[in-house]
C-alpha cells in the first residue's frame, strides 16, 4: 500500500531544491527532474508544494510523460485532503435537458416562420 502524504507536508516542499507536486491525487518528488523537464524548471517550480493537476492536464502531457512520472512517485495524497466532487443531482440533469429542449423548440419555431408577426 502506498504511503499517504498530507497536503500540509507537500506544501513544505515548495522550492526548486526540494520540489514536490500533486498530480491527480498522487505525490511526486520531482526535485531531480526539474532540470530535465522539457517545459523548463520554472513550470515545475510554479506548482511546487501544491496540486498541479489542472496545469498538467491543460498542457496535455503525453503517455511518455506519464511513464516518466512513475519514477518520481512517492505516495498518495491523504484521503482527508482529496477534494470531493459534488455529485450531479437529478434536478441539474432535468434543468439541462429542459434547456436543450426549449432551445430546439425555439429553433424549430423560428425556422418554420412562426416567430412574431409584424
N, C-alpha and C. Protein backbone atom coordinates (compact mmCIF):
# COMPACT_ATOMS: atom_id res chain seq x y z
N UNK A 1 0.85 -1.19 0.00
CA UNK A 1 0.00 0.00 0.00
C UNK A 1 0.89 1.24 0.00
N UNK A 2 0.50 2.22 -0.78
CA UNK A 2 1.28 3.45 -0.91
C UNK A 2 1.17 4.30 0.35
N UNK A 3 2.22 5.04 0.60
CA UNK A 3 2.23 5.95 1.75
C UNK A 3 1.25 7.10 1.50
N UNK A 4 0.52 7.50 2.53
CA UNK A 4 -0.36 8.67 2.44
C UNK A 4 0.43 9.88 2.88
N UNK A 5 0.37 10.93 2.08
CA UNK A 5 1.11 12.16 2.38
C UNK A 5 0.11 13.31 2.44
N UNK A 6 0.15 14.05 3.52
CA UNK A 6 -0.80 15.16 3.68
C UNK A 6 -0.41 16.33 2.79
N UNK A 7 -1.39 17.15 2.46
CA UNK A 7 -1.13 18.35 1.68
C UNK A 7 -0.23 19.31 2.46
N UNK A 8 -0.38 19.33 3.77
CA UNK A 8 0.48 20.17 4.61
C UNK A 8 1.94 19.77 4.45
N UNK A 9 2.22 18.48 4.34
CA UNK A 9 3.58 18.01 4.13
C UNK A 9 4.07 18.41 2.74
N UNK A 10 3.22 18.25 1.74
CA UNK A 10 3.59 18.62 0.36
C UNK A 10 3.95 20.10 0.30
N UNK A 11 3.18 20.93 1.00
CA UNK A 11 3.40 22.38 0.97
C UNK A 11 4.78 22.79 1.49
N UNK A 12 5.38 21.95 2.33
CA UNK A 12 6.71 22.25 2.87
C UNK A 12 7.81 22.06 1.81
N UNK A 13 7.52 21.36 0.76
CA UNK A 13 8.49 21.04 -0.29
C UNK A 13 8.20 21.92 -1.52
N UNK A 14 8.40 23.21 -1.36
CA UNK A 14 7.95 24.18 -2.37
C UNK A 14 9.07 25.00 -2.99
N UNK A 15 10.27 24.45 -2.99
CA UNK A 15 11.42 25.16 -3.57
C UNK A 15 12.07 24.31 -4.65
N UNK A 16 12.82 24.93 -5.52
CA UNK A 16 13.48 24.20 -6.60
C UNK A 16 14.38 23.09 -6.07
N UNK A 17 15.01 23.32 -4.92
CA UNK A 17 15.93 22.33 -4.35
C UNK A 17 15.20 21.23 -3.58
N UNK A 18 13.91 21.38 -3.40
CA UNK A 18 13.09 20.43 -2.65
C UNK A 18 11.67 20.58 -3.18
N UNK A 19 11.35 19.87 -4.27
CA UNK A 19 10.17 20.17 -5.07
C UNK A 19 9.24 18.97 -5.17
N UNK A 20 8.14 19.03 -4.44
CA UNK A 20 7.11 18.01 -4.53
C UNK A 20 5.87 18.63 -5.17
N UNK A 21 5.16 17.82 -5.93
CA UNK A 21 3.90 18.26 -6.52
C UNK A 21 2.86 17.15 -6.42
N UNK A 22 1.61 17.54 -6.50
CA UNK A 22 0.50 16.59 -6.53
C UNK A 22 -0.11 16.64 -7.92
N UNK A 23 -0.25 15.46 -8.52
CA UNK A 23 -0.93 15.32 -9.81
C UNK A 23 -1.93 14.20 -9.66
N UNK A 24 -3.20 14.52 -9.88
CA UNK A 24 -4.28 13.54 -9.80
C UNK A 24 -4.20 12.72 -8.51
N UNK A 25 -4.04 13.43 -7.39
CA UNK A 25 -4.03 12.86 -6.03
C UNK A 25 -2.85 11.92 -5.76
N UNK A 26 -1.81 12.03 -6.56
CA UNK A 26 -0.57 11.29 -6.32
C UNK A 26 0.54 12.32 -6.09
N UNK A 27 1.45 11.99 -5.18
CA UNK A 27 2.51 12.92 -4.82
C UNK A 27 3.81 12.49 -5.49
N UNK A 28 4.50 13.47 -6.08
CA UNK A 28 5.74 13.21 -6.78
C UNK A 28 6.84 14.13 -6.24
N UNK A 29 8.03 13.57 -6.06
CA UNK A 29 9.22 14.36 -5.73
C UNK A 29 9.98 14.53 -7.03
N UNK A 30 9.84 15.71 -7.65
CA UNK A 30 10.45 15.96 -8.96
C UNK A 30 11.69 16.85 -8.85
N UNK A 31 12.27 16.87 -7.66
CA UNK A 31 13.47 17.70 -7.44
C UNK A 31 14.55 17.37 -8.45
N UNK A 32 14.85 16.09 -8.64
CA UNK A 32 15.93 15.68 -9.55
C UNK A 32 15.55 15.79 -11.01
N UNK A 33 14.27 15.94 -11.30
CA UNK A 33 13.79 16.01 -12.69
C UNK A 33 13.67 17.44 -13.20
N UNK A 34 13.69 18.40 -12.30
CA UNK A 34 13.36 19.77 -12.69
C UNK A 34 14.24 20.32 -13.80
N UNK A 35 15.52 19.97 -13.83
CA UNK A 35 16.42 20.48 -14.86
C UNK A 35 16.25 19.74 -16.19
N UNK A 36 15.66 18.55 -16.14
CA UNK A 36 15.41 17.76 -17.36
C UNK A 36 14.04 18.04 -17.95
N UNK A 37 13.17 18.67 -17.20
CA UNK A 37 11.78 18.87 -17.62
C UNK A 37 11.73 19.64 -18.94
N UNK A 38 11.09 19.07 -19.97
CA UNK A 38 11.03 19.74 -21.28
C UNK A 38 10.38 21.12 -21.24
N UNK A 39 9.48 21.34 -20.30
CA UNK A 39 8.82 22.64 -20.18
C UNK A 39 9.62 23.65 -19.38
N UNK A 40 10.80 23.23 -18.92
CA UNK A 40 11.66 24.11 -18.14
C UNK A 40 11.42 23.99 -16.65
N UNK A 41 12.42 24.36 -15.92
CA UNK A 41 12.37 24.28 -14.45
C UNK A 41 11.25 25.13 -13.88
N UNK A 42 11.05 26.32 -14.45
CA UNK A 42 10.06 27.26 -13.90
C UNK A 42 8.65 26.69 -13.89
N UNK A 43 8.32 25.88 -14.90
CA UNK A 43 6.96 25.33 -14.93
C UNK A 43 6.72 24.38 -13.76
N UNK A 44 7.75 23.71 -13.29
CA UNK A 44 7.60 22.86 -12.10
C UNK A 44 7.64 23.69 -10.82
N UNK A 45 8.53 24.66 -10.77
CA UNK A 45 8.64 25.50 -9.57
C UNK A 45 7.33 26.26 -9.34
N UNK A 46 6.64 26.62 -10.42
CA UNK A 46 5.36 27.34 -10.29
C UNK A 46 4.30 26.54 -9.54
N UNK A 47 4.38 25.21 -9.59
CA UNK A 47 3.39 24.38 -8.90
C UNK A 47 4.00 23.63 -7.72
N UNK A 48 5.19 24.01 -7.32
CA UNK A 48 5.88 23.34 -6.22
C UNK A 48 5.07 23.44 -4.93
N UNK A 49 4.95 22.32 -4.24
CA UNK A 49 4.27 22.30 -2.96
C UNK A 49 2.76 22.38 -3.03
N UNK A 50 2.20 22.11 -4.21
CA UNK A 50 0.74 22.19 -4.32
C UNK A 50 0.23 21.23 -5.39
N UNK A 51 -1.08 21.26 -5.59
CA UNK A 51 -1.71 20.42 -6.60
C UNK A 51 -1.55 21.07 -7.96
N UNK A 52 -0.85 20.40 -8.86
CA UNK A 52 -0.63 20.93 -10.20
C UNK A 52 -1.42 20.18 -11.26
N UNK A 53 -2.48 19.49 -10.85
CA UNK A 53 -3.26 18.67 -11.78
C UNK A 53 -3.82 19.50 -12.93
N UNK A 54 -4.40 20.63 -12.63
CA UNK A 54 -5.01 21.46 -13.69
C UNK A 54 -3.96 21.86 -14.72
N UNK A 55 -2.82 22.34 -14.25
CA UNK A 55 -1.76 22.75 -15.16
C UNK A 55 -1.24 21.56 -15.98
N UNK A 56 -1.10 20.42 -15.34
CA UNK A 56 -0.63 19.21 -16.01
C UNK A 56 -1.58 18.81 -17.13
N UNK A 57 -2.86 18.84 -16.83
CA UNK A 57 -3.86 18.45 -17.83
C UNK A 57 -3.95 19.50 -18.94
N UNK A 58 -3.92 20.78 -18.57
CA UNK A 58 -4.02 21.86 -19.55
C UNK A 58 -2.93 21.78 -20.60
N UNK A 59 -1.74 21.37 -20.21
CA UNK A 59 -0.61 21.26 -21.14
C UNK A 59 -0.81 20.08 -22.08
N UNK A 60 -1.50 19.06 -21.61
CA UNK A 60 -1.75 17.89 -22.46
C UNK A 60 -0.55 16.97 -22.53
N UNK A 61 -0.05 16.55 -21.38
CA UNK A 61 1.12 15.68 -21.33
C UNK A 61 0.86 14.34 -22.04
N UNK A 62 1.90 13.81 -22.63
CA UNK A 62 1.82 12.56 -23.39
C UNK A 62 1.84 11.34 -22.47
N UNK A 63 1.60 10.19 -23.07
CA UNK A 63 1.72 8.93 -22.33
C UNK A 63 3.16 8.73 -21.86
N UNK A 64 4.09 9.16 -22.67
CA UNK A 64 5.51 9.06 -22.30
C UNK A 64 5.80 9.86 -21.03
N UNK A 65 5.21 11.05 -20.93
CA UNK A 65 5.39 11.89 -19.73
C UNK A 65 4.84 11.17 -18.51
N UNK A 66 3.70 10.51 -18.67
CA UNK A 66 3.10 9.77 -17.56
C UNK A 66 3.98 8.59 -17.13
N UNK A 67 4.65 7.97 -18.09
CA UNK A 67 5.58 6.88 -17.76
C UNK A 67 6.77 7.41 -16.97
N UNK A 68 7.29 8.55 -17.38
CA UNK A 68 8.43 9.16 -16.70
C UNK A 68 8.06 9.51 -15.26
N UNK A 69 6.84 10.00 -15.07
CA UNK A 69 6.38 10.40 -13.73
C UNK A 69 6.47 9.27 -12.71
N UNK A 70 6.26 8.04 -13.17
CA UNK A 70 6.24 6.90 -12.26
C UNK A 70 7.53 6.80 -11.45
N UNK A 71 8.65 7.23 -12.03
CA UNK A 71 9.94 7.17 -11.33
C UNK A 71 9.98 8.10 -10.13
N UNK A 72 9.14 9.13 -10.13
CA UNK A 72 9.19 10.16 -9.10
C UNK A 72 8.05 10.07 -8.09
N UNK A 73 7.21 9.05 -8.26
CA UNK A 73 6.06 8.84 -7.37
C UNK A 73 6.54 8.45 -5.98
N UNK A 74 6.02 9.15 -4.96
CA UNK A 74 6.42 8.83 -3.57
C UNK A 74 5.24 8.47 -2.68
N UNK A 75 4.01 8.68 -3.12
CA UNK A 75 2.86 8.32 -2.31
C UNK A 75 1.58 8.95 -2.81
N UNK A 76 0.52 8.65 -2.10
CA UNK A 76 -0.81 9.18 -2.44
C UNK A 76 -1.15 10.35 -1.52
N UNK A 77 -1.88 11.29 -2.06
CA UNK A 77 -2.38 12.39 -1.24
C UNK A 77 -3.31 11.81 -0.18
N UNK A 78 -3.18 12.30 1.04
CA UNK A 78 -4.02 11.82 2.14
C UNK A 78 -5.49 11.98 1.79
N UNK A 79 -6.26 10.98 2.15
CA UNK A 79 -7.70 10.97 1.83
C UNK A 79 -8.40 12.23 2.34
N UNK A 80 -7.99 12.71 3.49
CA UNK A 80 -8.63 13.90 4.07
C UNK A 80 -8.39 15.15 3.22
N UNK A 81 -7.35 15.14 2.38
CA UNK A 81 -7.01 16.31 1.57
C UNK A 81 -7.53 16.23 0.14
N UNK A 82 -8.15 15.13 -0.20
CA UNK A 82 -8.68 14.98 -1.56
C UNK A 82 -10.00 15.73 -1.65
N UNK A 83 -10.09 16.61 -2.64
CA UNK A 83 -11.32 17.39 -2.83
C UNK A 83 -12.41 16.48 -3.35
N UNK A 84 -13.55 16.59 -2.72
CA UNK A 84 -14.70 15.80 -3.13
C UNK A 84 -15.42 16.52 -4.26
N UNK A 85 -15.76 15.77 -5.29
CA UNK A 85 -16.56 16.33 -6.38
C UNK A 85 -18.01 16.23 -5.98
N UNK A 86 -18.75 17.31 -6.18
CA UNK A 86 -20.16 17.25 -5.82
C UNK A 86 -20.90 16.43 -6.87
N UNK A 87 -21.74 15.52 -6.42
CA UNK A 87 -22.46 14.68 -7.36
C UNK A 87 -23.48 15.49 -8.15
N UNK A 88 -23.75 15.04 -9.35
CA UNK A 88 -24.77 15.69 -10.17
C UNK A 88 -26.12 15.18 -9.71
N UNK A 89 -26.99 16.09 -9.37
CA UNK A 89 -28.32 15.71 -8.91
C UNK A 89 -29.28 15.64 -10.09
N UNK A 90 -30.37 14.93 -9.89
CA UNK A 90 -31.40 14.80 -10.93
C UNK A 90 -31.93 16.16 -11.34
N UNK A 91 -32.02 17.08 -10.39
CA UNK A 91 -32.53 18.42 -10.71
C UNK A 91 -31.64 19.10 -11.74
N UNK A 92 -30.33 18.91 -11.62
CA UNK A 92 -29.41 19.52 -12.58
C UNK A 92 -29.60 18.91 -13.97
N UNK A 93 -29.76 17.61 -14.03
CA UNK A 93 -29.96 16.94 -15.31
C UNK A 93 -31.28 17.39 -15.92
N UNK A 94 -32.32 17.47 -15.11
CA UNK A 94 -33.62 17.91 -15.60
C UNK A 94 -33.59 19.32 -16.16
N UNK A 95 -32.92 20.21 -15.45
CA UNK A 95 -32.79 21.59 -15.94
C UNK A 95 -32.03 21.65 -17.25
N UNK A 96 -30.95 20.88 -17.35
CA UNK A 96 -30.14 20.88 -18.57
C UNK A 96 -30.96 20.34 -19.75
N UNK A 97 -31.67 19.24 -19.54
CA UNK A 97 -32.49 18.68 -20.61
C UNK A 97 -33.61 19.62 -21.01
N UNK A 98 -34.21 20.28 -20.02
CA UNK A 98 -35.26 21.25 -20.31
C UNK A 98 -34.74 22.41 -21.15
N UNK A 99 -33.56 22.89 -20.82
CA UNK A 99 -32.97 23.99 -21.58
C UNK A 99 -32.66 23.57 -23.01
N UNK A 100 -32.16 22.35 -23.19
CA UNK A 100 -31.87 21.85 -24.53
C UNK A 100 -33.17 21.73 -25.32
N UNK A 101 -34.21 21.18 -24.71
CA UNK A 101 -35.49 21.02 -25.38
C UNK A 101 -36.05 22.38 -25.81
N UNK A 102 -36.03 23.35 -24.91
CA UNK A 102 -36.53 24.69 -25.25
C UNK A 102 -35.73 25.32 -26.38
N UNK A 103 -34.42 25.10 -26.36
CA UNK A 103 -33.58 25.63 -27.43
C UNK A 103 -33.96 25.06 -28.79
N UNK A 104 -34.12 23.73 -28.83
CA UNK A 104 -34.53 23.10 -30.09
C UNK A 104 -35.92 23.56 -30.52
N UNK A 105 -36.83 23.69 -29.58
CA UNK A 105 -38.18 24.13 -29.90
C UNK A 105 -38.15 25.55 -30.48
N UNK A 106 -37.35 26.42 -29.90
CA UNK A 106 -37.23 27.79 -30.39
C UNK A 106 -36.65 27.82 -31.80
N UNK A 107 -35.64 27.03 -32.06
CA UNK A 107 -35.05 26.96 -33.40
C UNK A 107 -36.08 26.46 -34.41
N UNK A 108 -36.84 25.44 -34.02
CA UNK A 108 -37.87 24.89 -34.90
C UNK A 108 -38.92 25.95 -35.24
N UNK A 109 -39.39 26.67 -34.27
CA UNK A 109 -40.42 27.69 -34.48
C UNK A 109 -39.89 28.80 -35.38
N UNK A 110 -38.65 29.23 -35.15
CA UNK A 110 -38.08 30.32 -35.95
C UNK A 110 -37.90 29.88 -37.39
N UNK A 111 -37.41 28.65 -37.62
CA UNK A 111 -37.19 28.16 -38.98
C UNK A 111 -38.51 27.97 -39.74
N UNK A 112 -39.55 27.66 -39.04
CA UNK A 112 -40.86 27.48 -39.67
C UNK A 112 -41.58 28.80 -39.89
N UNK A 113 -40.97 29.88 -39.47
CA UNK A 113 -41.60 31.17 -39.67
C UNK A 113 -42.69 31.47 -38.64
N UNK A 114 -42.61 30.83 -37.54
CA UNK A 114 -43.63 31.01 -36.52
C UNK A 114 -43.31 32.08 -35.52
N UNK A 115 -42.31 32.89 -35.84
CA UNK A 115 -41.94 33.96 -34.93
C UNK A 115 -42.98 35.05 -34.90
N UNK A 116 -42.77 36.08 -34.14
CA UNK A 116 -43.74 37.18 -34.05
C UNK A 116 -43.96 37.84 -35.40
N UNK A 117 -45.21 38.09 -35.71
CA UNK A 117 -45.55 38.75 -36.99
C UNK A 117 -45.61 40.24 -36.79
N UNK A 118 -45.12 40.94 -37.81
CA UNK A 118 -45.09 42.39 -37.69
C UNK A 118 -45.94 43.03 -38.75
